PDB file of N, CA and C in Angstrom:
ATOM      1  N   MET A   1      13.424  -3.354 -12.146  1.00  0.00           N
ATOM      2  CA  MET A   1      12.976  -1.974 -11.741  1.00  0.00           C
ATOM      3  C   MET A   1      11.590  -2.019 -11.774  1.00  0.00           C
ATOM      4  N   VAL A   2      11.013  -1.185 -10.789  1.00  0.00           N
ATOM      5  CA  VAL A   2       9.468  -1.017 -10.767  1.00  0.00           C
ATOM      6  C   VAL A   2       9.301   0.543 -10.656  1.00  0.00           C
ATOM      7  N   LYS A   3       8.230   0.951 -11.229  1.00  0.00           N
ATOM      8  CA  LYS A   3       8.086   2.403 -11.093  1.00  0.00           C
ATOM      9  C   LYS A   3       7.106   2.651  -9.988  1.00  0.00           C
ATOM     10  N   LEU A   4       7.425   3.482  -9.146  1.00  0.00           N
ATOM     11  CA  LEU A   4       6.674   3.773  -7.903  1.00  0.00           C
ATOM     12  C   LEU A   4       5.887   5.277  -8.099  1.00  0.00           C
ATOM     13  N   LEU A   5       4.636   5.273  -7.750  1.00  0.00           N
ATOM     14  CA  LEU A   5       3.985   6.594  -7.900  1.00  0.00           C
ATOM     15  C   LEU A   5       3.354   6.629  -6.501  1.00  0.00           C
ATOM     16  N   TYR A   6       3.374   7.931  -6.023  1.00  0.00           N
ATOM     17  CA  TYR A   6       2.823   8.328  -4.683  1.00  0.00           C
ATOM     18  C   TYR A   6       1.683   9.402  -4.965  1.00  0.00           C
ATOM     19  N   PHE A   7       0.452   9.257  -4.495  1.00  0.00           N
ATOM     20  CA  PHE A   7      -0.615  10.123  -4.797  1.00  0.00           C
ATOM     21  C   PHE A   7      -1.076  10.793  -3.586  1.00  0.00           C
ATOM     22  N   ALA A   8      -1.889  11.997  -3.719  1.00  0.00           N
ATOM     23  CA  ALA A   8      -2.786  12.712  -2.837  1.00  0.00           C
ATOM     24  C   ALA A   8      -1.862  13.204  -1.655  1.00  0.00           C
ATOM     25  N   SER A   9      -2.210  13.018  -0.364  1.00  0.00           N
ATOM     26  CA  SER A   9      -1.615  13.316   0.822  1.00  0.00           C
ATOM     27  C   SER A   9      -0.194  12.557   1.083  1.00  0.00           C
ATOM     28  N   LEU A  10      -0.091  11.261   0.596  1.00  0.00           N
ATOM     29  CA  LEU A  10       1.024  10.724   0.711  1.00  0.00           C
ATOM     30  C   LEU A  10       2.242  11.300  -0.111  1.00  0.00           C
ATOM     31  N   ARG A  11       1.775  11.711  -1.319  1.00  0.00           N
ATOM     32  CA  ARG A  11       2.828  12.521  -2.092  1.00  0.00           C
ATOM     33  C   ARG A  11       3.346  13.700  -1.280  1.00  0.00           C
ATOM     34  N   GLU A  12       2.447  14.574  -0.689  1.00  0.00           N
ATOM     35  CA  GLU A  12       2.802  15.581   0.010  1.00  0.00           C
ATOM     36  C   GLU A  12       3.699  15.306   1.330  1.00  0.00           C
ATOM     37  N   THR A  13       3.377  14.140   1.976  1.00  0.00           N
ATOM     38  CA  THR A  13       4.106  13.792   3.231  1.00  0.00           C
ATOM     39  C   THR A  13       5.602  13.501   2.783  1.00  0.00           C
ATOM     40  N   LEU A  14       5.661  12.546   1.769  1.00  0.00           N
ATOM     41  CA  LEU A  14       6.904  12.085   1.190  1.00  0.00           C
ATOM     42  C   LEU A  14       7.822  13.299   0.592  1.00  0.00           C
ATOM     43  N   GLY A  15       7.129  14.231   0.064  1.00  0.00           N
ATOM     44  CA  GLY A  15       7.777  15.076  -0.691  1.00  0.00           C
ATOM     45  C   GLY A  15       8.294  14.682  -2.277  1.00  0.00           C
ATOM     46  N   VAL A  16       7.789  13.760  -2.703  1.00  0.00           N
ATOM     47  CA  VAL A  16       8.195  13.157  -4.023  1.00  0.00           C
ATOM     48  C   VAL A  16       6.903  12.546  -4.610  1.00  0.00           C
ATOM     49  N   ALA A  17       6.757  12.765  -6.020  1.00  0.00           N
ATOM     50  CA  ALA A  17       5.631  12.094  -6.566  1.00  0.00           C
ATOM     51  C   ALA A  17       5.892  10.718  -7.041  1.00  0.00           C
ATOM     52  N   GLY A  18       6.932  10.315  -7.330  1.00  0.00           N
ATOM     53  CA  GLY A  18       7.381   8.889  -7.716  1.00  0.00           C
ATOM     54  C   GLY A  18       8.817   8.829  -7.936  1.00  0.00           C
ATOM     55  N   GLU A  19       9.256   7.542  -8.161  1.00  0.00           N
ATOM     56  CA  GLU A  19      10.781   7.089  -8.195  1.00  0.00           C
ATOM     57  C   GLU A  19      10.764   5.677  -9.195  1.00  0.00           C
ATOM     58  N   GLU A  20      11.917   5.304  -9.489  1.00  0.00           N
ATOM     59  CA  GLU A  20      12.233   4.258 -10.085  1.00  0.00           C
ATOM     60  C   GLU A  20      13.039   3.359  -9.042  1.00  0.00           C
ATOM     61  N   LEU A  21      12.764   2.097  -8.832  1.00  0.00           N
ATOM     62  CA  LEU A  21      13.505   1.409  -7.793  1.00  0.00           C
ATOM     63  C   LEU A  21      13.908   0.001  -8.150  1.00  0.00           C
ATOM     64  N   ASP A  22      14.992  -0.274  -7.848  1.00  0.00           N
ATOM     65  CA  ASP A  22      15.312  -1.781  -8.115  1.00  0.00           C
ATOM     66  C   ASP A  22      14.719  -2.659  -6.895  1.00  0.00           C
ATOM     67  N   ALA A  23      13.848  -3.379  -7.336  1.00  0.00           N
ATOM     68  CA  ALA A  23      12.971  -4.074  -6.286  1.00  0.00           C
ATOM     69  C   ALA A  23      13.235  -5.461  -6.405  1.00  0.00           C
ATOM     70  N   ALA A  24      14.462  -5.881  -6.928  1.00  0.00           N
ATOM     71  CA  ALA A  24      14.782  -7.386  -7.048  1.00  0.00           C
ATOM     72  C   ALA A  24      14.502  -8.161  -5.795  1.00  0.00           C
ATOM     73  N   ASP A  25      14.698  -7.501  -4.623  1.00  0.00           N
ATOM     74  CA  ASP A  25      14.611  -8.113  -3.262  1.00  0.00           C
ATOM     75  C   ASP A  25      13.203  -8.139  -2.713  1.00  0.00           C
ATOM     76  N   CYS A  26      12.360  -7.523  -3.403  1.00  0.00           N
ATOM     77  CA  CYS A  26      10.830  -7.411  -3.004  1.00  0.00           C
ATOM     78  C   CYS A  26      10.008  -8.246  -3.864  1.00  0.00           C
ATOM     79  N   ALA A  27       9.658  -9.484  -3.403  1.00  0.00           N
ATOM     80  CA  ALA A  27       8.720 -10.133  -4.123  1.00  0.00           C
ATOM     81  C   ALA A  27       7.381  -9.823  -4.170  1.00  0.00           C
ATOM     82  N   HIS A  28       6.937  -9.102  -3.115  1.00  0.00           N
ATOM     83  CA  HIS A  28       5.524  -8.819  -3.028  1.00  0.00           C
ATOM     84  C   HIS A  28       5.353  -7.536  -2.433  1.00  0.00           C
ATOM     85  N   ILE A  29       4.177  -6.867  -2.517  1.00  0.00           N
ATOM     86  CA  ILE A  29       3.890  -5.473  -2.077  1.00  0.00           C
ATOM     87  C   ILE A  29       4.257  -5.310  -0.631  1.00  0.00           C
ATOM     88  N   GLY A  30       4.031  -6.284   0.228  1.00  0.00           N
ATOM     89  CA  GLY A  30       4.316  -6.132   1.646  1.00  0.00           C
ATOM     90  C   GLY A  30       5.768  -6.131   1.867  1.00  0.00           C
ATOM     91  N   ALA A  31       6.701  -6.687   1.094  1.00  0.00           N
ATOM     92  CA  ALA A  31       8.190  -6.639   1.147  1.00  0.00           C
ATOM     93  C   ALA A  31       8.518  -5.269   0.710  1.00  0.00           C
ATOM     94  N   LEU A  32       7.831  -4.644  -0.273  1.00  0.00           N
ATOM     95  CA  LEU A  32       8.157  -3.308  -0.853  1.00  0.00           C
ATOM     96  C   LEU A  32       7.899  -2.222   0.258  1.00  0.00           C
ATOM     97  N   ARG A  33       6.730  -2.442   0.942  1.00  0.00           N
ATOM     98  CA  ARG A  33       6.281  -1.602   1.796  1.00  0.00           C
ATOM     99  C   ARG A  33       7.338  -1.524   2.946  1.00  0.00           C
ATOM    100  N   ALA A  34       7.725  -2.735   3.408  1.00  0.00           N
ATOM    101  CA  ALA A  34       8.891  -2.852   4.427  1.00  0.00           C
ATOM    102  C   ALA A  34      10.171  -2.094   4.117  1.00  0.00           C
ATOM    103  N   ARG A  35      10.420  -2.261   2.826  1.00  0.00           N
ATOM    104  CA  ARG A  35      11.854  -1.522   2.477  1.00  0.00           C
ATOM    105  C   ARG A  35      11.627  -0.121   2.378  1.00  0.00           C
ATOM    106  N   LEU A  36      10.466   0.329   1.896  1.00  0.00           N
ATOM    107  CA  LEU A  36      10.258   1.761   1.821  1.00  0.00           C
ATOM    108  C   LEU A  36      10.255   2.367   3.336  1.00  0.00           C
ATOM    109  N   ALA A  37       9.533   1.656   4.349  1.00  0.00           N
ATOM    110  CA  ALA A  37       9.430   2.142   5.668  1.00  0.00           C
ATOM    111  C   ALA A  37      10.844   2.168   6.328  1.00  0.00           C
ATOM    112  N   ALA A  38      11.607   1.345   5.918  1.00  0.00           N
ATOM    113  CA  ALA A  38      13.032   1.154   6.601  1.00  0.00           C
ATOM    114  C   ALA A  38      13.833   2.555   6.248  1.00  0.00           C
ATOM    115  N   ARG A  39      13.411   3.344   5.312  1.00  0.00           N
ATOM    116  CA  ARG A  39      13.937   4.601   4.972  1.00  0.00           C
ATOM    117  C   ARG A  39      13.854   5.742   6.191  1.00  0.00           C
ATOM    118  N   GLY A  40      12.948   5.373   7.138  1.00  0.00           N
ATOM    119  CA  GLY A  40      12.676   6.231   8.132  1.00  0.00           C
ATOM    120  C   GLY A  40      11.909   7.519   8.049  1.00  0.00           C
ATOM    121  N   ASP A  41      11.876   8.257   9.004  1.00  0.00           N
ATOM    122  CA  ASP A  41      11.101   9.513   9.080  1.00  0.00           C
ATOM    123  C   ASP A  41       9.692   9.180   8.345  1.00  0.00           C
ATOM    124  N   ALA A  42       9.470  10.179   7.511  1.00  0.00           N
ATOM    125  CA  ALA A  42       8.013  10.087   6.782  1.00  0.00           C
ATOM    126  C   ALA A  42       7.795   8.834   6.199  1.00  0.00           C
ATOM    127  N   TRP A  43       8.753   8.145   5.679  1.00  0.00           N
ATOM    128  CA  TRP A  43       8.596   6.923   5.080  1.00  0.00           C
ATOM    129  C   TRP A  43       8.209   5.851   6.042  1.00  0.00           C
ATOM    130  N   GLU A  44       8.095   6.030   7.223  1.00  0.00           N
ATOM    131  CA  GLU A  44       7.529   4.960   8.192  1.00  0.00           C
ATOM    132  C   GLU A  44       6.112   4.792   7.956  1.00  0.00           C
ATOM    133  N   ILE A  45       5.370   5.751   7.320  1.00  0.00           N
ATOM    134  CA  ILE A  45       4.033   5.599   7.090  1.00  0.00           C
ATOM    135  C   ILE A  45       3.769   4.263   6.465  1.00  0.00           C
ATOM    136  N   PHE A  46       4.712   3.762   5.707  1.00  0.00           N
ATOM    137  CA  PHE A  46       4.416   2.455   4.933  1.00  0.00           C
ATOM    138  C   PHE A  46       4.117   1.246   5.906  1.00  0.00           C
ATOM    139  N   ALA A  47       4.860   1.408   7.101  1.00  0.00           N
ATOM    140  CA  ALA A  47       4.702   0.325   8.107  1.00  0.00           C
ATOM    141  C   ALA A  47       3.596   0.677   9.090  1.00  0.00           C
ATOM    142  N   THR A  48       3.313   1.945   9.315  1.00  0.00           N
ATOM    143  CA  THR A  48       2.335   2.248  10.432  1.00  0.00           C
ATOM    144  C   THR A  48       0.847   2.466   9.926  1.00  0.00           C
ATOM    145  N   SER A  49       0.765   2.822   8.650  1.00  0.00           N
ATOM    146  CA  SER A  49      -0.676   3.007   8.084  1.00  0.00           C
ATOM    147  C   SER A  49      -1.248   1.781   7.543  1.00  0.00           C
ATOM    148  N   LYS A  50      -2.360   1.324   8.083  1.00  0.00           N
ATOM    149  CA  LYS A  50      -3.130   0.213   7.552  1.00  0.00           C
ATOM    150  C   LYS A  50      -4.013   0.522   6.615  1.00  0.00           C
ATOM    151  N   SER A  51      -4.291   1.888   6.332  1.00  0.00           N
ATOM    152  CA  SER A  51      -5.222   2.230   5.277  1.00  0.00           C
ATOM    153  C   SER A  51      -4.482   2.753   4.025  1.00  0.00           C
ATOM    154  N   LEU A  52      -3.255   2.638   3.843  1.00  0.00           N
ATOM    155  CA  LEU A  52      -2.747   2.944   2.471  1.00  0.00           C
ATOM    156  C   LEU A  52      -2.942   1.938   1.491  1.00  0.00           C
ATOM    157  N   ARG A  53      -3.346   2.278   0.251  1.00  0.00           N
ATOM    158  CA  ARG A  53      -3.908   1.270  -0.697  1.00  0.00           C
ATOM    159  C   ARG A  53      -2.855   1.222  -1.805  1.00  0.00           C
ATOM    160  N   ALA A  54      -2.641   0.169  -2.420  1.00  0.00           N
ATOM    161  CA  ALA A  54      -1.603  -0.087  -3.353  1.00  0.00           C
ATOM    162  C   ALA A  54      -2.367  -0.676  -4.745  1.00  0.00           C
ATOM    163  N   ALA A  55      -1.693  -0.351  -5.928  1.00  0.00           N
ATOM    164  CA  ALA A  55      -2.268  -0.931  -7.142  1.00  0.00           C
ATOM    165  C   ALA A  55      -0.959  -1.189  -7.982  1.00  0.00           C
ATOM    166  N   VAL A  56      -1.178  -2.353  -8.578  1.00  0.00           N
ATOM    167  CA  VAL A  56      -0.015  -2.766  -9.494  1.00  0.00           C
ATOM    168  C   VAL A  56      -0.527  -2.804 -10.966  1.00  0.00           C
ATOM    169  N   ASN A  57       0.027  -2.225 -11.802  1.00  0.00           N
ATOM    170  CA  ASN A  57      -0.468  -1.807 -13.209  1.00  0.00           C
ATOM    171  C   ASN A  57      -1.961  -1.652 -13.230  1.00  0.00           C
ATOM    172  N   GLN A  58      -2.338  -0.699 -12.432  1.00  0.00           N
ATOM    173  CA  GLN A  58      -3.641  -0.012 -12.276  1.00  0.00           C
ATOM    174  C   GLN A  58      -4.906  -0.873 -11.790  1.00  0.00           C
ATOM    175  N   ALA A  59      -4.407  -1.993 -11.089  1.00  0.00           N
ATOM    176  CA  ALA A  59      -5.427  -3.076 -10.488  1.00  0.00           C
ATOM    177  C   ALA A  59      -4.985  -3.010  -9.060  1.00  0.00           C
ATOM    178  N   MET A  60      -6.108  -2.769  -8.249  1.00  0.00           N
ATOM    179  CA  MET A  60      -5.865  -2.834  -6.729  1.00  0.00           C
ATOM    180  C   MET A  60      -5.376  -4.205  -6.343  1.00  0.00           C
ATOM    181  N   VAL A  61      -4.395  -4.142  -5.449  1.00  0.00           N
ATOM    182  CA  VAL A  61      -3.723  -5.397  -4.797  1.00  0.00           C
ATOM    183  C   VAL A  61      -3.779  -5.457  -3.308  1.00  0.00           C
ATOM    184  N   GLY A  62      -3.538  -6.558  -2.638  1.00  0.00           N
ATOM    185  CA  GLY A  62      -3.166  -6.480  -1.354  1.00  0.00           C
ATOM    186  C   GLY A  62      -1.783  -6.747  -1.108  1.00  0.00           C
ATOM    187  N   ALA A  63      -1.228  -6.993   0.134  1.00  0.00           N
ATOM    188  CA  ALA A  63       0.059  -7.020   0.538  1.00  0.00           C
ATOM    189  C   ALA A  63       0.691  -8.324  -0.032  1.00  0.00           C
ATOM    190  N   ASP A  64       0.034  -9.333  -0.254  1.00  0.00           N
ATOM    191  CA  ASP A  64       0.779 -10.424  -0.866  1.00  0.00           C
ATOM    192  C   ASP A  64       0.767 -10.561  -2.417  1.00  0.00           C
ATOM    193  N   ALA A  65       0.427  -9.370  -3.069  1.00  0.00           N
ATOM    194  CA  ALA A  65       0.487  -9.499  -4.691  1.00  0.00           C
ATOM    195  C   ALA A  65       1.990  -9.384  -5.022  1.00  0.00           C
ATOM    196  N   ALA A  66       2.139 -10.344  -5.945  1.00  0.00           N
ATOM    197  CA  ALA A  66       3.480 -10.495  -6.391  1.00  0.00           C
ATOM    198  C   ALA A  66       3.945  -9.251  -7.259  1.00  0.00           C
ATOM    199  N   LEU A  67       5.349  -9.049  -7.347  1.00  0.00           N
ATOM    200  CA  LEU A  67       6.012  -7.886  -8.085  1.00  0.00           C
ATOM    201  C   LEU A  67       6.875  -8.633  -9.123  1.00  0.00           C
ATOM    202  N   ALA A  68       6.845  -7.897 -10.304  1.00  0.00           N
ATOM    203  CA  ALA A  68       7.702  -8.412 -11.306  1.00  0.00           C
ATOM    204  C   ALA A  68       8.466  -7.067 -12.053  1.00  0.00           C
ATOM    205  N   ASP A  69       9.568  -7.236 -12.638  1.00  0.00           N
ATOM    206  CA  ASP A  69      10.290  -6.310 -13.204  1.00  0.00           C
ATOM    207  C   ASP A  69       9.342  -5.660 -14.247  1.00  0.00           C
ATOM    208  N   GLY A  70       9.425  -4.216 -14.263  1.00  0.00           N
ATOM    209  CA  GLY A  70       8.695  -3.373 -15.064  1.00  0.00           C
ATOM    210  C   GLY A  70       7.253  -3.006 -14.740  1.00  0.00           C
ATOM    211  N   ASP A  71       6.873  -3.424 -13.476  1.00  0.00           N
ATOM    212  CA  ASP A  71       5.484  -3.121 -12.935  1.00  0.00           C
ATOM    213  C   ASP A  71       5.517  -1.677 -12.516  1.00  0.00           C
ATOM    214  N   GLU A  72       4.389  -1.192 -12.524  1.00  0.00           N
ATOM    215  CA  GLU A  72       4.129   0.151 -12.190  1.00  0.00           C
ATOM    216  C   GLU A  72       3.251  -0.035 -10.776  1.00  0.00           C
ATOM    217  N   VAL A  73       3.759   0.534  -9.545  1.00  0.00           N
ATOM    218  CA  VAL A  73       3.187   0.495  -8.323  1.00  0.00           C
ATOM    219  C   VAL A  73       2.766   1.763  -7.850  1.00  0.00           C
ATOM    220  N   ALA A  74       1.294   2.009  -7.528  1.00  0.00           N
ATOM    221  CA  ALA A  74       0.848   3.220  -6.986  1.00  0.00           C
ATOM    222  C   ALA A  74       0.413   3.115  -5.626  1.00  0.00           C
ATOM    223  N   PHE A  75       0.800   3.993  -4.795  1.00  0.00           N
ATOM    224  CA  PHE A  75       0.394   4.031  -3.395  1.00  0.00           C
ATOM    225  C   PHE A  75      -0.429   5.229  -3.030  1.00  0.00           C
ATOM    226  N   PHE A  76      -1.545   5.131  -2.440  1.00  0.00           N
ATOM    227  CA  PHE A  76      -2.414   6.335  -2.127  1.00  0.00           C
ATOM    228  C   PHE A  76      -3.109   5.967  -0.972  1.00  0.00           C
ATOM    229  N   PRO A  77      -3.632   7.073  -0.310  1.00  0.00           N
ATOM    230  CA  PRO A  77      -4.378   7.016   0.835  1.00  0.00           C
ATOM    231  C   PRO A  77      -5.914   6.612   0.481  1.00  0.00           C
ATOM    232  N   PRO A  78      -6.714   6.126   1.243  1.00  0.00           N
ATOM    233  CA  PRO A  78      -8.134   5.900   0.957  1.00  0.00           C
ATOM    234  C   PRO A  78      -8.741   7.195   0.603  1.00  0.00           C
ATOM    235  N   VAL A  79      -9.630   7.206  -0.356  1.00  0.00           N
ATOM    236  CA  VAL A  79     -10.359   8.454  -0.987  1.00  0.00           C
ATOM    237  C   VAL A  79     -11.730   8.378  -0.541  1.00  0.00           C
ATOM    238  N   THR A  80     -12.196   9.512  -0.232  1.00  0.00           N
ATOM    239  CA  THR A  80     -13.645   9.641   0.207  1.00  0.00           C
ATOM    240  C   THR A  80     -14.144  10.725  -0.492  1.00  0.00           C
ATOM    241  N   GLY A  81     -15.499  10.628  -0.822  1.00  0.00           N
ATOM    242  CA  GLY A  81     -16.132  11.748  -1.543  1.00  0.00           C
ATOM    243  C   GLY A  81     -17.617  11.868  -1.114  1.00  0.00           C
ATOM    244  N   GLY A  82     -18.300  12.807  -1.659  1.00  0.00           N
ATOM    245  CA  GLY A  82     -19.586  12.908  -1.376  1.00  0.00           C
ATOM    246  C   GLY A  82     -20.492  13.363  -2.446  1.00  0.00           C
TER     247      GLY A  82
END
């Protein structure tokens, strides 16, 4: 199981702040994004958005980052500020 967290406008778009998911079939972030995108509708953002960021256990990662049981995965849009 991995704990998924959705932040900022992504949370609003999906209508959920987080969930726990059996991600045994997802060896890396890219596979997890594809699985989430397959839910359709608003979830397709995981396939269509190149700007979504991911962090595993509070460390920024790329699509090839490996996942392990018990990981916390956070997804969020890029943040800008002034």
